[in-house]
Amino acid sequence: MNRRSAGGLLFALGTSAAAGIGSLGSRRAPQVYPRLDKPDWAPPAWLFGPAWTFLYAAIGVAGWRLWTRNSGRTVLALHVTQLVLNAAWPFTFFAARHRTSALAVIAALDITIAAEIAVAARHDRPAAVLLAPYLAWTLYATALTAAVNPTMSDDGHELPTPPPDLVGVVHPQRPSC
C-alpha cells in the first residue's frame, strides 16, 4: 500500500473514530436537547445528522490532503487534536452534563481548528477551505452552548423545574380586601 492510500485509510478511520466516539457521548442528546432552553436561532434537532455527515467527510478529506502533501507534523498534530476535542465535547455536554467544561472544550476546539486552517493554508489551500465550514459550525455551536439555559448545573445534577405557574405566566393583581 502506498503512502497516499495508507494516508487516506488512516484519515478515514481517524475521522470515523472521532465521529463514533462523539456519537457515544451524544447518546443522551435526544433526551437533553429538547429540554434545553434554547435561543430562537438554535437549529432543529434533525439538522445535526446531515451537518455532521458533511463536516466529517470534509474533515477526513482535508486530513488526507494534508497527509499526502507532507504538510508537516504541526498541522497533523493540530488535526488529531481537533478530532480528540471534537469527540470529547458531546461527553462533557450531554453525558457529563457539565456546561462550563463543555464551553472550555469547544473553545479549545475552535482555537485548534482555526490554527489548523492557518497552518494548512500555507501547505494546501483546498484543505484549509474544506475545514472552514467546520470552524463556522463549531463557532456557532460555541455560541449556542453559551446561550442555552440548560436543565443541568455545572456539577452535572439536574436543575429543578420551576412550578408551571411560575413559567412565563404573569399573574393578575389580586383584589385587595
Protein backbone atom coordinates (compact mmCIF):
# COMPACT_ATOMS: atom_id res chain seq x y z
CA MET A 1 0.00 0.00 0.00
CA ASN A 2 1.46 3.37 -0.97
CA ARG A 3 1.64 6.45 1.29
CA ARG A 4 -1.35 8.09 -0.41
CA SER A 5 -3.62 5.05 0.08
CA ALA A 6 -2.39 4.45 3.62
CA GLY A 7 -2.99 8.12 4.49
CA GLY A 8 -6.48 8.02 3.03
CA LEU A 9 -7.29 4.94 5.08
CA LEU A 10 -5.72 6.44 8.21
CA PHE A 11 -7.71 9.68 7.99
CA ALA A 12 -10.93 7.90 7.08
CA LEU A 13 -10.54 5.65 10.12
CA GLY A 14 -9.44 8.51 12.41
CA THR A 15 -12.34 10.71 11.38
CA SER A 16 -14.77 7.80 11.68
CA ALA A 17 -13.40 7.01 15.13
CA ALA A 18 -13.90 10.61 16.27
CA ALA A 19 -17.44 10.54 14.89
CA GLY A 20 -18.17 7.20 16.56
CA ILE A 21 -16.75 8.21 19.92
CA GLY A 22 -18.60 11.52 19.77
CA SER A 23 -21.84 9.71 18.97
CA LEU A 24 -21.41 7.60 22.11
CA GLY A 25 -21.19 10.83 24.10
CA SER A 26 -24.29 12.09 22.29
CA ARG A 27 -26.48 9.13 23.22
CA ARG A 28 -28.43 11.32 25.66
CA ALA A 29 -28.79 14.17 23.17
CA PRO A 30 -32.32 13.14 22.10
CA GLN A 31 -33.44 13.50 25.72
CA VAL A 32 -31.32 16.55 26.65
CA TYR A 33 -31.54 18.77 23.54
CA PRO A 34 -35.34 19.19 23.51
CA ARG A 35 -35.29 20.10 27.21
CA LEU A 36 -32.77 22.91 26.82
CA ASP A 37 -34.00 26.47 26.95
CA LYS A 38 -32.58 27.38 23.52
CA PRO A 39 -32.43 30.72 21.72
CA ASP A 40 -34.62 31.27 18.65
CA TRP A 41 -31.62 30.74 16.38
CA ALA A 42 -30.94 27.20 17.63
CA PRO A 43 -31.11 24.59 14.86
CA PRO A 44 -33.75 21.87 14.83
CA ALA A 45 -32.51 18.52 16.08
CA TRP A 46 -32.86 16.87 12.63
CA LEU A 47 -30.18 19.18 11.18
CA PHE A 48 -27.30 17.74 13.21
CA GLY A 49 -27.07 14.41 11.33
CA PRO A 50 -26.76 15.87 7.82
CA ALA A 51 -24.49 18.70 9.02
CA TRP A 52 -22.06 16.38 10.76
CA THR A 53 -22.07 13.90 7.87
CA PHE A 54 -20.90 16.68 5.54
CA LEU A 55 -18.43 18.07 8.08
CA TYR A 56 -16.84 14.71 8.90
CA ALA A 57 -16.40 13.98 5.18
CA ALA A 58 -14.70 17.37 4.71
CA ILE A 59 -12.51 16.83 7.81
CA GLY A 60 -11.40 13.42 6.52
CA VAL A 61 -10.58 14.71 3.03
CA ALA A 62 -8.71 17.70 4.50
CA GLY A 63 -6.65 15.40 6.73
CA TRP A 64 -5.88 13.10 3.83
CA ARG A 65 -4.78 16.06 1.67
CA LEU A 66 -2.53 17.36 4.43
CA TRP A 67 -1.00 13.91 4.91
CA THR A 68 -0.36 13.24 1.22
CA ARG A 69 1.21 16.66 0.70
CA ASN A 70 3.74 16.21 3.52
CA SER A 71 2.35 19.26 5.28
CA GLY A 72 4.38 18.69 8.42
CA ARG A 73 3.90 17.46 11.93
CA THR A 74 2.40 20.66 13.30
CA VAL A 75 -0.67 20.63 11.08
CA LEU A 76 -1.13 16.88 11.51
CA ALA A 77 -0.88 17.26 15.31
CA LEU A 78 -3.50 20.03 15.14
CA HIS A 79 -5.71 17.76 13.03
CA VAL A 80 -5.51 14.91 15.52
CA THR A 81 -6.02 17.31 18.45
CA GLN A 82 -9.18 18.80 16.96
CA LEU A 83 -10.55 15.30 16.34
CA VAL A 84 -9.94 14.42 20.01
CA LEU A 85 -11.60 17.65 21.19
CA ASN A 86 -14.47 17.07 18.77
CA ALA A 87 -15.05 13.62 20.26
CA ALA A 88 -14.77 14.99 23.82
CA TRP A 89 -17.38 17.75 23.57
CA PRO A 90 -20.50 15.52 23.48
CA PHE A 91 -19.27 13.72 26.59
CA THR A 92 -18.85 16.98 28.50
CA PHE A 93 -22.19 18.44 27.43
CA PHE A 94 -24.59 15.52 27.02
CA ALA A 95 -23.06 12.72 29.13
CA ALA A 96 -21.28 14.56 31.99
CA ARG A 97 -23.75 17.44 31.61
CA HIS A 98 -21.16 19.97 32.67
CA ARG A 99 -21.76 23.21 30.79
CA THR A 100 -18.59 25.05 31.88
CA SER A 101 -16.39 22.14 30.83
CA ALA A 102 -18.28 21.87 27.55
CA LEU A 103 -17.59 25.55 26.87
CA ALA A 104 -13.89 25.06 27.65
CA VAL A 105 -13.67 22.04 25.34
CA ILE A 106 -15.47 23.71 22.46
CA ALA A 107 -13.44 26.93 22.83
CA ALA A 108 -10.26 24.85 22.66
CA LEU A 109 -11.73 23.10 19.60
CA ASP A 110 -12.41 26.46 17.91
CA ILE A 111 -8.85 27.63 18.56
CA THR A 112 -7.37 24.35 17.33
CA ILE A 113 -9.41 24.35 14.12
CA ALA A 114 -8.51 28.00 13.44
CA ALA A 115 -4.83 27.19 13.98
CA GLU A 116 -5.10 24.14 11.72
CA ILE A 117 -6.70 26.23 8.98
CA ALA A 118 -3.96 28.89 9.28
CA VAL A 119 -1.16 26.32 9.08
CA ALA A 120 -2.92 24.26 6.39
CA ALA A 121 -3.39 27.34 4.18
CA ARG A 122 0.40 27.60 3.87
CA HIS A 123 0.66 23.99 2.65
CA ASP A 124 -2.61 23.15 0.93
CA ARG A 125 -5.24 25.83 0.40
CA PRO A 126 -8.03 23.37 -0.58
CA ALA A 127 -7.55 21.55 2.74
CA ALA A 128 -7.92 24.86 4.58
CA VAL A 129 -11.08 25.64 2.58
CA LEU A 130 -12.51 22.22 3.43
CA LEU A 131 -12.06 22.99 7.14
CA ALA A 132 -13.70 26.44 7.01
CA PRO A 133 -17.33 25.18 7.28
CA TYR A 134 -16.25 23.06 10.26
CA LEU A 135 -14.89 26.14 12.03
CA ALA A 136 -18.05 28.08 11.19
CA TRP A 137 -20.21 25.27 12.64
CA THR A 138 -18.16 24.94 15.83
CA LEU A 139 -18.21 28.71 16.38
CA TYR A 140 -21.99 28.57 16.00
CA ALA A 141 -22.08 25.60 18.40
CA THR A 142 -19.92 27.55 20.86
CA ALA A 143 -22.37 30.46 20.80
CA LEU A 144 -25.26 28.02 21.22
CA THR A 145 -23.53 26.23 24.12
CA ALA A 146 -23.05 29.60 25.82
CA ALA A 147 -26.61 30.75 25.08
CA VAL A 148 -28.63 27.76 26.19
CA ASN A 149 -30.07 27.72 29.64
CA PRO A 150 -29.54 24.03 30.26
CA THR A 151 -31.55 21.87 32.60
CA MET A 152 -28.28 20.96 34.24
CA SER A 153 -25.96 22.58 36.70
CA ASP A 154 -22.21 22.78 36.41
CA ASP A 155 -21.86 19.86 38.80
CA GLY A 156 -23.86 17.67 36.41
CA HIS A 157 -27.01 17.46 38.50
CA GLU A 158 -30.48 18.05 37.21
CA LEU A 159 -31.80 21.51 37.96
CA PRO A 160 -35.29 21.55 39.42
CA THR A 161 -38.04 22.51 37.01
CA PRO A 162 -39.90 25.58 38.22
CA PRO A 163 -43.57 25.08 39.02
CA PRO A 164 -45.78 25.55 35.94
CA ASP A 165 -47.46 28.62 37.38
CA LEU A 166 -44.10 30.40 37.56
CA VAL A 167 -43.01 29.69 33.99
CA GLY A 168 -43.81 32.62 31.73
CA VAL A 169 -47.10 33.44 33.41
CA VAL A 170 -47.89 36.88 34.69
CA HIS A 171 -50.41 36.65 37.47
CA PRO A 172 -53.11 39.32 37.53
CA GLN A 173 -53.27 41.58 40.52
CA ARG A 174 -55.32 40.06 43.29
CA PRO A 175 -58.04 42.27 44.61
CA SER A 176 -57.25 43.82 47.92
CA CYS A 177 -59.55 43.03 50.83
